[in-house]
Amino acid sequence: MTPRRRFLLGTAAAASTPPAAIAALVPMPRELTRATFTPLVGTRFEARSLADDVPVELELVAIDPLPGCAIEERSFALRFAADHAGVQATYALSHPALAVPFGALLVPERGRRMIATFNRHA
């Protein structure tokens, strides 16, 4: 089964699932705060592109504040080191310390670095 088909089937199943049940299974963005990731600096995440479902190992190397954002707990950037240069895409990120995977847009930086930005003002 292709990743796209798996995604569409999952979306169809989620559409018939009550919102409270979905919220219990998937961390909502407001739950992913700077404090969630601080103890995970220096550890490895698995990232799977939604386009090709190929796993990529990433190491969380830093958590940076976003310039001009007053709510640093909810607005920050995760900086990852990769084993090879990455491609900009939406990835499902997972870590043994987190209950379930979460989606994030990863953007390549210089060399083998990738960044995911969380920018929530409210």
PDB file of N, CA and C in Angstrom:
ATOM      1  N   MET A   1       0.847  -1.169   0.000  1.00  0.00           N
ATOM      2  CA  MET A   1       0.000   0.000   0.000  1.00  0.00           C
ATOM      3  C   MET A   1       0.899   1.240   0.000  1.00  0.00           C
ATOM      4  N   THR A   2       0.576   2.208  -0.830  1.00  0.00           N
ATOM      5  CA  THR A   2       1.375   3.425  -0.927  1.00  0.00           C
ATOM      6  C   THR A   2       1.130   4.301   0.300  1.00  0.00           C
ATOM      7  N   PRO A   3       2.104   5.177   0.630  1.00  0.00           N
ATOM      8  CA  PRO A   3       1.901   6.085   1.766  1.00  0.00           C
ATOM      9  C   PRO A   3       0.664   6.973   1.587  1.00  0.00           C
ATOM     10  N   ARG A   4       0.417   7.409   0.344  1.00  0.00           N
ATOM     11  CA  ARG A   4      -0.744   8.268   0.096  1.00  0.00           C
ATOM     12  C   ARG A   4      -2.042   7.514   0.393  1.00  0.00           C
ATOM     13  N   ARG A   5      -2.117   6.269  -0.083  1.00  0.00           N
ATOM     14  CA  ARG A   5      -3.330   5.472   0.154  1.00  0.00           C
ATOM     15  C   ARG A   5      -3.512   5.228   1.650  1.00  0.00           C
ATOM     16  N   ARG A   6      -2.406   4.908   2.359  1.00  0.00           N
ATOM     17  CA  ARG A   6      -2.478   4.676   3.798  1.00  0.00           C
ATOM     18  C   ARG A   6      -2.982   5.944   4.499  1.00  0.00           C
ATOM     19  N   PHE A   7      -2.476   7.110   4.064  1.00  0.00           N
ATOM     20  CA  PHE A   7      -2.904   8.377   4.651  1.00  0.00           C
ATOM     21  C   PHE A   7      -4.400   8.599   4.415  1.00  0.00           C
ATOM     22  N   LEU A   8      -4.849   8.385   3.173  1.00  0.00           N
ATOM     23  CA  LEU A   8      -6.256   8.593   2.853  1.00  0.00           C
ATOM     24  C   LEU A   8      -7.157   7.647   3.638  1.00  0.00           C
ATOM     25  N   LEU A   9      -6.748   6.395   3.766  1.00  0.00           N
ATOM     26  CA  LEU A   9      -7.536   5.448   4.545  1.00  0.00           C
ATOM     27  C   LEU A   9      -7.577   5.846   6.017  1.00  0.00           C
ATOM     28  N   GLY A  10      -6.441   6.310   6.541  1.00  0.00           N
ATOM     29  CA  GLY A  10      -6.395   6.774   7.925  1.00  0.00           C
ATOM     30  C   GLY A  10      -7.271   7.982   8.141  1.00  0.00           C
ATOM     31  N   THR A  11      -7.295   8.884   7.147  1.00  0.00           N
ATOM     32  CA  THR A  11      -8.138  10.070   7.232  1.00  0.00           C
ATOM     33  C   THR A  11      -9.611   9.682   7.221  1.00  0.00           C
ATOM     34  N   ALA A  12      -9.968   8.716   6.386  1.00  0.00           N
ATOM     35  CA  ALA A  12     -11.355   8.256   6.336  1.00  0.00           C
ATOM     36  C   ALA A  12     -11.771   7.646   7.671  1.00  0.00           C
ATOM     37  N   ALA A  13     -10.861   6.870   8.285  1.00  0.00           N
ATOM     38  CA  ALA A  13     -11.167   6.266   9.588  1.00  0.00           C
ATOM     39  C   ALA A  13     -11.299   7.352  10.647  1.00  0.00           C
ATOM     40  N   ALA A  14     -10.420   8.358  10.588  1.00  0.00           N
ATOM     41  CA  ALA A  14     -10.464   9.441  11.573  1.00  0.00           C
ATOM     42  C   ALA A  14     -11.747  10.257  11.430  1.00  0.00           C
ATOM     43  N   ALA A  15     -12.268  10.379  10.198  1.00  0.00           N
ATOM     44  CA  ALA A  15     -13.486  11.158   9.972  1.00  0.00           C
ATOM     45  C   ALA A  15     -14.681  10.537  10.700  1.00  0.00           C
ATOM     46  N   SER A  16     -14.662   9.230  10.884  1.00  0.00           N
ATOM     47  CA  SER A  16     -15.778   8.569  11.563  1.00  0.00           C
ATOM     48  C   SER A  16     -15.514   8.380  13.061  1.00  0.00           C
ATOM     49  N   THR A  17     -14.348   8.836  13.536  1.00  0.00           N
ATOM     50  CA  THR A  17     -13.993   8.711  14.945  1.00  0.00           C
ATOM     51  C   THR A  17     -14.390   9.984  15.682  1.00  0.00           C
ATOM     52  N   PRO A  18     -15.004   9.881  16.853  1.00  0.00           N
ATOM     53  CA  PRO A  18     -15.378  11.087  17.605  1.00  0.00           C
ATOM     54  C   PRO A  18     -14.151  11.946  17.909  1.00  0.00           C
ATOM     55  N   PRO A  19     -14.286  13.284  17.858  1.00  0.00           N
ATOM     56  CA  PRO A  19     -13.148  14.178  18.106  1.00  0.00           C
ATOM     57  C   PRO A  19     -12.433  13.915  19.426  1.00  0.00           C
ATOM     58  N   ALA A  20     -13.157  13.557  20.471  1.00  0.00           N
ATOM     59  CA  ALA A  20     -12.515  13.297  21.766  1.00  0.00           C
ATOM     60  C   ALA A  20     -11.579  12.100  21.677  1.00  0.00           C
ATOM     61  N   ALA A  21     -11.959  11.082  20.901  1.00  0.00           N
ATOM     62  CA  ALA A  21     -11.113   9.897  20.747  1.00  0.00           C
ATOM     63  C   ALA A  21      -9.847  10.239  19.965  1.00  0.00           C
ATOM     64  N   ILE A  22      -9.987  11.084  18.940  1.00  0.00           N
ATOM     65  CA  ILE A  22      -8.808  11.502  18.169  1.00  0.00           C
ATOM     66  C   ILE A  22      -7.866  12.292  19.067  1.00  0.00           C
ATOM     67  N   ALA A  23      -8.400  13.209  19.843  1.00  0.00           N
ATOM     68  CA  ALA A  23      -7.568  14.023  20.733  1.00  0.00           C
ATOM     69  C   ALA A  23      -6.825  13.160  21.740  1.00  0.00           C
ATOM     70  N   ALA A  24      -7.424  12.051  22.151  1.00  0.00           N
ATOM     71  CA  ALA A  24      -6.771  11.158  23.103  1.00  0.00           C
ATOM     72  C   ALA A  24      -5.620  10.390  22.455  1.00  0.00           C
ATOM     73  N   LEU A  25      -5.687  10.171  21.145  1.00  0.00           N
ATOM     74  CA  LEU A  25      -4.664   9.386  20.450  1.00  0.00           C
ATOM     75  C   LEU A  25      -3.541  10.231  19.864  1.00  0.00           C
ATOM     76  N   VAL A  26      -3.833  11.437  19.450  1.00  0.00           N
ATOM     77  CA  VAL A  26      -2.864  12.270  18.743  1.00  0.00           C
ATOM     78  C   VAL A  26      -2.621  13.541  19.533  1.00  0.00           C
ATOM     79  N   PRO A  27      -1.359  13.854  19.853  1.00  0.00           N
ATOM     80  CA  PRO A  27      -1.119  15.086  20.597  1.00  0.00           C
ATOM     81  C   PRO A  27      -1.458  16.294  19.741  1.00  0.00           C
ATOM     82  N   MET A  28      -2.294  17.156  20.263  1.00  0.00           N
ATOM     83  CA  MET A  28      -2.627  18.381  19.559  1.00  0.00           C
ATOM     84  C   MET A  28      -1.424  19.321  19.617  1.00  0.00           C
ATOM     85  N   PRO A  29      -1.265  20.212  18.644  1.00  0.00           N
ATOM     86  CA  PRO A  29      -0.100  21.102  18.622  1.00  0.00           C
ATOM     87  C   PRO A  29       0.122  21.869  19.914  1.00  0.00           C
ATOM     88  N   ARG A  30      -0.941  22.237  20.621  1.00  0.00           N
ATOM     89  CA  ARG A  30      -0.752  23.013  21.854  1.00  0.00           C
ATOM     90  C   ARG A  30      -0.031  22.201  22.925  1.00  0.00           C
ATOM     91  N   GLU A  31      -0.053  20.866  22.825  1.00  0.00           N
ATOM     92  CA  GLU A  31       0.609  20.020  23.806  1.00  0.00           C
ATOM     93  C   GLU A  31       2.103  19.866  23.524  1.00  0.00           C
ATOM     94  N   LEU A  32       2.515  20.176  22.321  1.00  0.00           N
ATOM     95  CA  LEU A  32       3.935  20.083  21.972  1.00  0.00           C
ATOM     96  C   LEU A  32       4.583  21.427  22.253  1.00  0.00           C
ATOM     97  N   THR A  33       5.165  21.541  23.428  1.00  0.00           N
ATOM     98  CA  THR A  33       5.779  22.791  23.856  1.00  0.00           C
ATOM     99  C   THR A  33       7.290  22.626  23.928  1.00  0.00           C
ATOM    100  N   ARG A  34       7.955  23.726  24.194  1.00  0.00           N
ATOM    101  CA  ARG A  34       9.411  23.698  24.356  1.00  0.00           C
ATOM    102  C   ARG A  34       9.803  22.706  25.455  1.00  0.00           C
ATOM    103  N   ALA A  35       9.010  22.665  26.529  1.00  0.00           N
ATOM    104  CA  ALA A  35       9.301  21.754  27.642  1.00  0.00           C
ATOM    105  C   ALA A  35       9.194  20.292  27.224  1.00  0.00           C
ATOM    106  N   THR A  36       8.351  20.002  26.230  1.00  0.00           N
ATOM    107  CA  THR A  36       8.230  18.633  25.724  1.00  0.00           C
ATOM    108  C   THR A  36       9.560  18.150  25.168  1.00  0.00           C
ATOM    109  N   PHE A  37      10.261  19.050  24.455  1.00  0.00           N
ATOM    110  CA  PHE A  37      11.462  18.660  23.718  1.00  0.00           C
ATOM    111  C   PHE A  37      12.776  18.902  24.472  1.00  0.00           C
ATOM    112  N   THR A  38      12.771  19.765  25.485  1.00  0.00           N
ATOM    113  CA  THR A  38      14.010  20.105  26.191  1.00  0.00           C
ATOM    114  C   THR A  38      14.765  18.877  26.703  1.00  0.00           C
ATOM    115  N   PRO A  39      14.118  17.903  27.338  1.00  0.00           N
ATOM    116  CA  PRO A  39      14.875  16.732  27.804  1.00  0.00           C
ATOM    117  C   PRO A  39      15.332  15.806  26.668  1.00  0.00           C
ATOM    118  N   LEU A  40      14.867  16.061  25.453  1.00  0.00           N
ATOM    119  CA  LEU A  40      15.200  15.197  24.320  1.00  0.00           C
ATOM    120  C   LEU A  40      16.366  15.714  23.476  1.00  0.00           C
ATOM    121  N   VAL A  41      16.924  16.881  23.850  1.00  0.00           N
ATOM    122  CA  VAL A  41      18.090  17.397  23.128  1.00  0.00           C
ATOM    123  C   VAL A  41      19.229  16.394  23.267  1.00  0.00           C
ATOM    124  N   GLY A  42      19.867  16.093  22.138  1.00  0.00           N
ATOM    125  CA  GLY A  42      20.956  15.126  22.132  1.00  0.00           C
ATOM    126  C   GLY A  42      20.497  13.696  21.857  1.00  0.00           C
ATOM    127  N   THR A  43      19.192  13.499  21.673  1.00  0.00           N
ATOM    128  CA  THR A  43      18.681  12.158  21.391  1.00  0.00           C
ATOM    129  C   THR A  43      18.197  12.081  19.950  1.00  0.00           C
ATOM    130  N   ARG A  44      17.913  10.849  19.520  1.00  0.00           N
ATOM    131  CA  ARG A  44      17.563  10.612  18.114  1.00  0.00           C
ATOM    132  C   ARG A  44      16.060  10.422  17.931  1.00  0.00           C
ATOM    133  N   PHE A  45      15.578  10.976  16.832  1.00  0.00           N
ATOM    134  CA  PHE A  45      14.198  10.849  16.387  1.00  0.00           C
ATOM    135  C   PHE A  45      14.189  10.061  15.087  1.00  0.00           C
ATOM    136  N   GLU A  46      13.089   9.390  14.817  1.00  0.00           N
ATOM    137  CA  GLU A  46      12.893   8.797  13.508  1.00  0.00           C
ATOM    138  C   GLU A  46      11.910   9.686  12.762  1.00  0.00           C
ATOM    139  N   ALA A  47      12.261  10.040  11.534  1.00  0.00           N
ATOM    140  CA  ALA A  47      11.399  10.859  10.691  1.00  0.00           C
ATOM    141  C   ALA A  47      11.033  10.056   9.450  1.00  0.00           C
ATOM    142  N   ARG A  48       9.753  10.067   9.109  1.00  0.00           N
ATOM    143  CA  ARG A  48       9.285   9.380   7.895  1.00  0.00           C
ATOM    144  C   ARG A  48       8.543  10.401   7.042  1.00  0.00           C
ATOM    145  N   SER A  49       9.068  10.636   5.852  1.00  0.00           N
ATOM    146  CA  SER A  49       8.415  11.548   4.925  1.00  0.00           C
ATOM    147  C   SER A  49       7.066  10.978   4.526  1.00  0.00           C
ATOM    148  N   LEU A  50       6.056  11.837   4.485  1.00  0.00           N
ATOM    149  CA  LEU A  50       4.749  11.380   4.049  1.00  0.00           C
ATOM    150  C   LEU A  50       4.752  11.068   2.558  1.00  0.00           C
ATOM    151  N   ALA A  51       5.770  11.555   1.835  1.00  0.00           N
ATOM    152  CA  ALA A  51       5.852  11.317   0.392  1.00  0.00           C
ATOM    153  C   ALA A  51       6.380   9.925   0.065  1.00  0.00           C
ATOM    154  N   ASP A  52       7.403   9.452   0.812  1.00  0.00           N
ATOM    155  CA  ASP A  52       8.004   8.169   0.437  1.00  0.00           C
ATOM    156  C   ASP A  52       8.085   7.154   1.569  1.00  0.00           C
ATOM    157  N   ASP A  53       7.763   7.555   2.791  1.00  0.00           N
ATOM    158  CA  ASP A  53       7.731   6.657   3.948  1.00  0.00           C
ATOM    159  C   ASP A  53       9.070   5.991   4.240  1.00  0.00           C
ATOM    160  N   VAL A  54      10.170   6.607   3.810  1.00  0.00           N
ATOM    161  CA  VAL A  54      11.500   6.075   4.088  1.00  0.00           C
ATOM    162  C   VAL A  54      11.981   6.679   5.408  1.00  0.00           C
ATOM    163  N   PRO A  55      12.394   5.861   6.382  1.00  0.00           N
ATOM    164  CA  PRO A  55      12.828   6.415   7.668  1.00  0.00           C
ATOM    165  C   PRO A  55      14.168   7.134   7.563  1.00  0.00           C
ATOM    166  N   VAL A  56      14.264   8.235   8.296  1.00  0.00           N
ATOM    167  CA  VAL A  56      15.493   9.027   8.376  1.00  0.00           C
ATOM    168  C   VAL A  56      15.778   9.243   9.858  1.00  0.00           C
ATOM    169  N   GLU A  57      17.002   9.012  10.276  1.00  0.00           N
ATOM    170  CA  GLU A  57      17.381   9.257  11.668  1.00  0.00           C
ATOM    171  C   GLU A  57      17.857  10.701  11.827  1.00  0.00           C
ATOM    172  N   LEU A  58      17.313  11.387  12.828  1.00  0.00           N
ATOM    173  CA  LEU A  58      17.677  12.771  13.122  1.00  0.00           C
ATOM    174  C   LEU A  58      18.058  12.892  14.588  1.00  0.00           C
ATOM    175  N   GLU A  59      19.036  13.736  14.868  1.00  0.00           N
ATOM    176  CA  GLU A  59      19.395  14.031  16.261  1.00  0.00           C
ATOM    177  C   GLU A  59      18.963  15.456  16.570  1.00  0.00           C
ATOM    178  N   LEU A  60      18.201  15.622  17.642  1.00  0.00           N
ATOM    179  CA  LEU A  60      17.799  16.956  18.075  1.00  0.00           C
ATOM    180  C   LEU A  60      19.018  17.622  18.711  1.00  0.00           C
ATOM    181  N   VAL A  61      19.510  18.689  18.087  1.00  0.00           N
ATOM    182  CA  VAL A  61      20.738  19.319  18.579  1.00  0.00           C
ATOM    183  C   VAL A  61      20.484  20.628  19.312  1.00  0.00           C
ATOM    184  N   ALA A  62      19.351  21.283  19.056  1.00  0.00           N
ATOM    185  CA  ALA A  62      19.089  22.558  19.728  1.00  0.00           C
ATOM    186  C   ALA A  62      17.615  22.908  19.642  1.00  0.00           C
ATOM    187  N   ILE A  63      17.194  23.732  20.590  1.00  0.00           N
ATOM    188  CA  ILE A  63      15.864  24.341  20.568  1.00  0.00           C
ATOM    189  C   ILE A  63      16.089  25.837  20.669  1.00  0.00           C
ATOM    190  N   ASP A  64      15.688  26.562  19.635  1.00  0.00           N
ATOM    191  CA  ASP A  64      15.932  27.999  19.576  1.00  0.00           C
ATOM    192  C   ASP A  64      14.641  28.789  19.718  1.00  0.00           C
ATOM    193  N   PRO A  65      14.695  29.929  20.412  1.00  0.00           N
ATOM    194  CA  PRO A  65      13.519  30.805  20.453  1.00  0.00           C
ATOM    195  C   PRO A  65      13.325  31.453  19.082  1.00  0.00           C
ATOM    196  N   LEU A  66      12.108  31.871  18.802  1.00  0.00           N
ATOM    197  CA  LEU A  66      11.850  32.600  17.563  1.00  0.00           C
ATOM    198  C   LEU A  66      11.941  34.088  17.856  1.00  0.00           C
ATOM    199  N   PRO A  67      12.680  34.829  17.046  1.00  0.00           N
ATOM    200  CA  PRO A  67      12.807  36.275  17.279  1.00  0.00           C
ATOM    201  C   PRO A  67      11.441  36.962  17.271  1.00  0.00           C
ATOM    202  N   GLY A  68      11.232  37.822  18.259  1.00  0.00           N
ATOM    203  CA  GLY A  68      10.003  38.604  18.324  1.00  0.00           C
ATOM    204  C   GLY A  68       8.807  37.887  18.899  1.00  0.00           C
ATOM    205  N   CYS A  69       8.956  36.659  19.337  1.00  0.00           N
ATOM    206  CA  CYS A  69       7.835  35.916  19.915  1.00  0.00           C
ATOM    207  C   CYS A  69       7.893  35.999  21.430  1.00  0.00           C
ATOM    208  N   ALA A  70       6.815  36.498  22.016  1.00  0.00           N
ATOM    209  CA  ALA A  70       6.784  36.667  23.466  1.00  0.00           C
ATOM    210  C   ALA A  70       6.529  35.350  24.198  1.00  0.00           C
ATOM    211  N   ILE A  71       5.874  34.399  23.538  1.00  0.00           N
ATOM    212  CA  ILE A  71       5.525  33.134  24.191  1.00  0.00           C
ATOM    213  C   ILE A  71       6.533  32.077  23.747  1.00  0.00           C
ATOM    214  N   GLU A  72       7.690  32.055  24.389  1.00  0.00           N
ATOM    215  CA  GLU A  72       8.758  31.143  23.982  1.00  0.00           C
ATOM    216  C   GLU A  72       8.414  29.679  24.226  1.00  0.00           C
ATOM    217  N   GLU A  73       7.529  29.397  25.166  1.00  0.00           N
ATOM    218  CA  GLU A  73       7.168  28.008  25.449  1.00  0.00           C
ATOM    219  C   GLU A  73       6.401  27.386  24.282  1.00  0.00           C
ATOM    220  N   ARG A  74       5.675  28.222  23.529  1.00  0.00           N
ATOM    221  CA  ARG A  74       4.854  27.714  22.429  1.00  0.00           C
ATOM    222  C   ARG A  74       5.405  28.060  21.048  1.00  0.00           C
ATOM    223  N   SER A  75       6.378  28.942  20.969  1.00  0.00           N
ATOM    224  CA  SER A  75       6.956  29.354  19.687  1.00  0.00           C
ATOM    225  C   SER A  75       8.466  29.149  19.741  1.00  0.00           C
ATOM    226  N   PHE A  76       8.955  28.193  18.944  1.00  0.00           N
ATOM    227  CA  PHE A  76      10.355  27.808  18.995  1.00  0.00           C
ATOM    228  C   PHE A  76      10.715  27.037  17.733  1.00  0.00           C
ATOM    229  N   ALA A  77      11.997  26.797  17.547  1.00  0.00           N
ATOM    230  CA  ALA A  77      12.475  26.014  16.404  1.00  0.00           C
ATOM    231  C   ALA A  77      13.282  24.832  16.917  1.00  0.00           C
ATOM    232  N   LEU A  78      13.003  23.659  16.372  1.00  0.00           N
ATOM    233  CA  LEU A  78      13.792  22.467  16.676  1.00  0.00           C
ATOM    234  C   LEU A  78      14.838  22.319  15.579  1.00  0.00           C
ATOM    235  N   ARG A  79      16.099  22.198  15.972  1.00  0.00           N
ATOM    236  CA  ARG A  79      17.186  22.022  14.999  1.00  0.00           C
ATOM    237  C   ARG A  79      17.692  20.591  15.098  1.00  0.00           C
ATOM    238  N   PHE A  80      17.710  19.924  13.960  1.00  0.00           N
ATOM    239  CA  PHE A  80      18.124  18.524  13.880  1.00  0.00           C
ATOM    240  C   PHE A  80      19.376  18.384  13.029  1.00  0.00           C
ATOM    241  N   ALA A  81      20.209  17.416  13.375  1.00  0.00           N
ATOM    242  CA  ALA A  81      21.327  16.994  12.530  1.00  0.00           C
ATOM    243  C   ALA A  81      20.901  15.678  11.884  1.00  0.00           C
ATOM    244  N   ALA A  82      21.157  15.565  10.579  1.00  0.00           N
ATOM    245  CA  ALA A  82      20.787  14.361   9.848  1.00  0.00           C
ATOM    246  C   ALA A  82      22.040  13.635   9.381  1.00  0.00           C
ATOM    247  N   ASP A  83      21.888  12.349   9.079  1.00  0.00           N
ATOM    248  CA  ASP A  83      23.005  11.569   8.568  1.00  0.00           C
ATOM    249  C   ASP A  83      23.366  11.972   7.144  1.00  0.00           C
ATOM    250  N   HIS A  84      22.402  12.531   6.419  1.00  0.00           N
ATOM    251  CA  HIS A  84      22.633  13.011   5.061  1.00  0.00           C
ATOM    252  C   HIS A  84      21.721  14.208   4.811  1.00  0.00           C
ATOM    253  N   ALA A  85      22.001  14.963   3.767  1.00  0.00           N
ATOM    254  CA  ALA A  85      21.194  16.139   3.457  1.00  0.00           C
ATOM    255  C   ALA A  85      19.741  15.728   3.239  1.00  0.00           C
ATOM    256  N   GLY A  86      18.837  16.443   3.881  1.00  0.00           N
ATOM    257  CA  GLY A  86      17.425  16.103   3.793  1.00  0.00           C
ATOM    258  C   GLY A  86      16.699  16.899   2.729  1.00  0.00           C
ATOM    259  N   VAL A  87      15.454  16.519   2.520  1.00  0.00           N
ATOM    260  CA  VAL A  87      14.581  17.159   1.551  1.00  0.00           C
ATOM    261  C   VAL A  87      13.437  17.823   2.306  1.00  0.00           C
ATOM    262  N   GLN A  88      13.067  19.038   1.890  1.00  0.00           N
ATOM    263  CA  GLN A  88      11.941  19.697   2.536  1.00  0.00           C
ATOM    264  C   GLN A  88      10.675  18.904   2.278  1.00  0.00           C
ATOM    265  N   ALA A  89      10.005  18.543   3.358  1.00  0.00           N
ATOM    266  CA  ALA A  89       8.771  17.769   3.252  1.00  0.00           C
ATOM    267  C   ALA A  89       8.107  17.731   4.623  1.00  0.00           C
ATOM    268  N   THR A  90       6.877  17.241   4.642  1.00  0.00           N
ATOM    269  CA  THR A  90       6.203  16.978   5.898  1.00  0.00           C
ATOM    270  C   THR A  90       6.578  15.575   6.344  1.00  0.00           C
ATOM    271  N   TYR A  91       7.007  15.460   7.593  1.00  0.00           N
ATOM    272  CA  TYR A  91       7.470  14.192   8.146  1.00  0.00           C
ATOM    273  C   TYR A  91       6.634  13.825   9.361  1.00  0.00           C
ATOM    274  N   ALA A  92       6.484  12.541   9.590  1.00  0.00           N
ATOM    275  CA  ALA A  92       5.960  12.036  10.850  1.00  0.00           C
ATOM    276  C   ALA A  92       7.176  11.773  11.720  1.00  0.00           C
ATOM    277  N   LEU A  93       7.302  12.485  12.829  1.00  0.00           N
ATOM    278  CA  LEU A  93       8.445  12.350  13.735  1.00  0.00           C
ATOM    279  C   LEU A  93       8.035  11.507  14.927  1.00  0.00           C
ATOM    280  N   SER A  94       8.907  10.586  15.319  1.00  0.00           N
ATOM    281  CA  SER A  94       8.622   9.772  16.495  1.00  0.00           C
ATOM    282  C   SER A  94       9.873   9.670  17.361  1.00  0.00           C
ATOM    283  N   HIS A  95       9.631   9.443  18.634  1.00  0.00           N
ATOM    284  CA  HIS A  95      10.692   9.319  19.633  1.00  0.00           C
ATOM    285  C   HIS A  95      10.172   8.381  20.717  1.00  0.00           C
ATOM    286  N   PRO A  96      11.030   7.518  21.255  1.00  0.00           N
ATOM    287  CA  PRO A  96      10.560   6.587  22.294  1.00  0.00           C
ATOM    288  C   PRO A  96       9.933   7.276  23.510  1.00  0.00           C
ATOM    289  N   ALA A  97      10.339   8.498  23.820  1.00  0.00           N
ATOM    290  CA  ALA A  97       9.806   9.197  24.992  1.00  0.00           C
ATOM    291  C   ALA A  97       8.458   9.859  24.735  1.00  0.00           C
ATOM    292  N   LEU A  98       8.047   9.946  23.472  1.00  0.00           N
ATOM    293  CA  LEU A  98       6.769  10.562  23.133  1.00  0.00           C
ATOM    294  C   LEU A  98       5.752   9.465  22.837  1.00  0.00           C
ATOM    295  N   ALA A  99       4.535   9.683  23.252  1.00  0.00           N
ATOM    296  CA  ALA A  99       3.504   8.648  23.141  1.00  0.00           C
ATOM    297  C   ALA A  99       3.191   8.266  21.697  1.00  0.00           C
ATOM    298  N   VAL A 100       3.055   9.260  20.834  1.00  0.00           N
ATOM    299  CA  VAL A 100       2.677   9.002  19.441  1.00  0.00           C
ATOM    300  C   VAL A 100       3.469   9.916  18.517  1.00  0.00           C
ATOM    301  N   PRO A 101       3.585   9.539  17.242  1.00  0.00           N
ATOM    302  CA  PRO A 101       4.259  10.423  16.287  1.00  0.00           C
ATOM    303  C   PRO A 101       3.483  11.723  16.095  1.00  0.00           C
ATOM    304  N   PHE A 102       4.183  12.749  15.619  1.00  0.00           N
ATOM    305  CA  PHE A 102       3.540  14.027  15.303  1.00  0.00           C
ATOM    306  C   PHE A 102       4.074  14.496  13.959  1.00  0.00           C
ATOM    307  N   GLY A 103       3.297  15.291  13.267  1.00  0.00           N
ATOM    308  CA  GLY A 103       3.692  15.793  11.961  1.00  0.00           C
ATOM    309  C   GLY A 103       4.384  17.129  12.060  1.00  0.00           C
ATOM    310  N   ALA A 104       5.393  17.335  11.219  1.00  0.00           N
ATOM    311  CA  ALA A 104       6.096  18.618  11.172  1.00  0.00           C
ATOM    312  C   ALA A 104       6.711  18.808   9.797  1.00  0.00           C
ATOM    313  N   LEU A 105       6.718  20.056   9.339  1.00  0.00           N
ATOM    314  CA  LEU A 105       7.416  20.408   8.115  1.00  0.00           C
ATOM    315  C   LEU A 105       8.890  20.588   8.465  1.00  0.00           C
ATOM    316  N   LEU A 106       9.754  19.784   7.868  1.00  0.00           N
ATOM    317  CA  LEU A 106      11.191  19.917   8.082  1.00  0.00           C
ATOM    318  C   LEU A 106      11.802  20.605   6.869  1.00  0.00           C
ATOM    319  N   VAL A 107      12.582  21.637   7.143  1.00  0.00           N
ATOM    320  CA  VAL A 107      13.217  22.429   6.092  1.00  0.00           C
ATOM    321  C   VAL A 107      14.728  22.272   6.211  1.00  0.00           C
ATOM    322  N   PRO A 108      15.399  21.942   5.112  1.00  0.00           N
ATOM    323  CA  PRO A 108      16.865  21.798   5.170  1.00  0.00           C
ATOM    324  C   PRO A 108      17.545  23.134   5.447  1.00  0.00           C
ATOM    325  N   GLU A 109      18.622  23.056   6.204  1.00  0.00           N
ATOM    326  CA  GLU A 109      19.495  24.206   6.438  1.00  0.00           C
ATOM    327  C   GLU A 109      20.859  23.861   5.857  1.00  0.00           C
ATOM    328  N   ARG A 110      21.864  24.621   6.239  1.00  0.00           N
ATOM    329  CA  ARG A 110      23.214  24.351   5.747  1.00  0.00           C
ATOM    330  C   ARG A 110      23.650  22.932   6.083  1.00  0.00           C
ATOM    331  N   GLY A 111      24.317  22.312   5.128  1.00  0.00           N
ATOM    332  CA  GLY A 111      24.865  20.980   5.366  1.00  0.00           C
ATOM    333  C   GLY A 111      23.801  19.954   5.650  1.00  0.00           C
ATOM    334  N   ARG A 112      23.972  19.240   6.724  1.00  0.00           N
ATOM    335  CA  ARG A 112      23.061  18.146   7.087  1.00  0.00           C
ATOM    336  C   ARG A 112      22.151  18.530   8.240  1.00  0.00           C
ATOM    337  N   ARG A 113      21.671  19.741   8.225  1.00  0.00           N
ATOM    338  CA  ARG A 113      20.784  20.229   9.288  1.00  0.00           C
ATOM    339  C   ARG A 113      19.373  20.405   8.745  1.00  0.00           C
ATOM    340  N   MET A 114      18.400  20.195   9.634  1.00  0.00           N
ATOM    341  CA  MET A 114      16.999  20.419   9.285  1.00  0.00           C
ATOM    342  C   MET A 114      16.338  21.139  10.453  1.00  0.00           C
ATOM    343  N   ILE A 115      15.311  21.918  10.145  1.00  0.00           N
ATOM    344  CA  ILE A 115      14.640  22.707  11.172  1.00  0.00           C
ATOM    345  C   ILE A 115      13.128  22.526  11.066  1.00  0.00           C
ATOM    346  N   ALA A 116      12.485  22.432  12.228  1.00  0.00           N
ATOM    347  CA  ALA A 116      11.021  22.412  12.320  1.00  0.00           C
ATOM    348  C   ALA A 116      10.625  23.601  13.193  1.00  0.00           C
ATOM    349  N   THR A 117       9.728  24.434  12.707  1.00  0.00           N
ATOM    350  CA  THR A 117       9.329  25.644  13.426  1.00  0.00           C
ATOM    351  C   THR A 117       7.926  25.485  13.993  1.00  0.00           C
ATOM    352  N   PHE A 118       7.782  25.796  15.270  1.00  0.00           N
ATOM    353  CA  PHE A 118       6.494  25.823  15.953  1.00  0.00           C
ATOM    354  C   PHE A 118       6.244  27.281  16.293  1.00  0.00           C
ATOM    355  N   ASN A 119       5.221  27.883  15.686  1.00  0.00           N
ATOM    356  CA  ASN A 119       4.953  29.307  15.879  1.00  0.00           C
ATOM    357  C   ASN A 119       3.488  29.488  16.238  1.00  0.00           C
ATOM    358  N   ARG A 120       3.230  29.484  17.527  1.00  0.00           N
ATOM    359  CA  ARG A 120       1.849  29.624  18.020  1.00  0.00           C
ATOM    360  C   ARG A 120       1.808  30.770  19.023  1.00  0.00           C
ATOM    361  N   HIS A 121       1.127  31.831  18.659  1.00  0.00           N
ATOM    362  CA  HIS A 121       1.069  33.024  19.503  1.00  0.00           C
ATOM    363  C   HIS A 121      -0.043  32.961  20.534  1.00  0.00           C
ATOM    364  N   ALA A 122      -1.056  32.178  20.280  1.00  0.00           N
ATOM    365  CA  ALA A 122      -2.190  32.161  21.213  1.00  0.00           C
ATOM    366  C   ALA A 122      -2.199  30.903  22.039  1.00  0.00           C
TER     367      ALA A 122
END
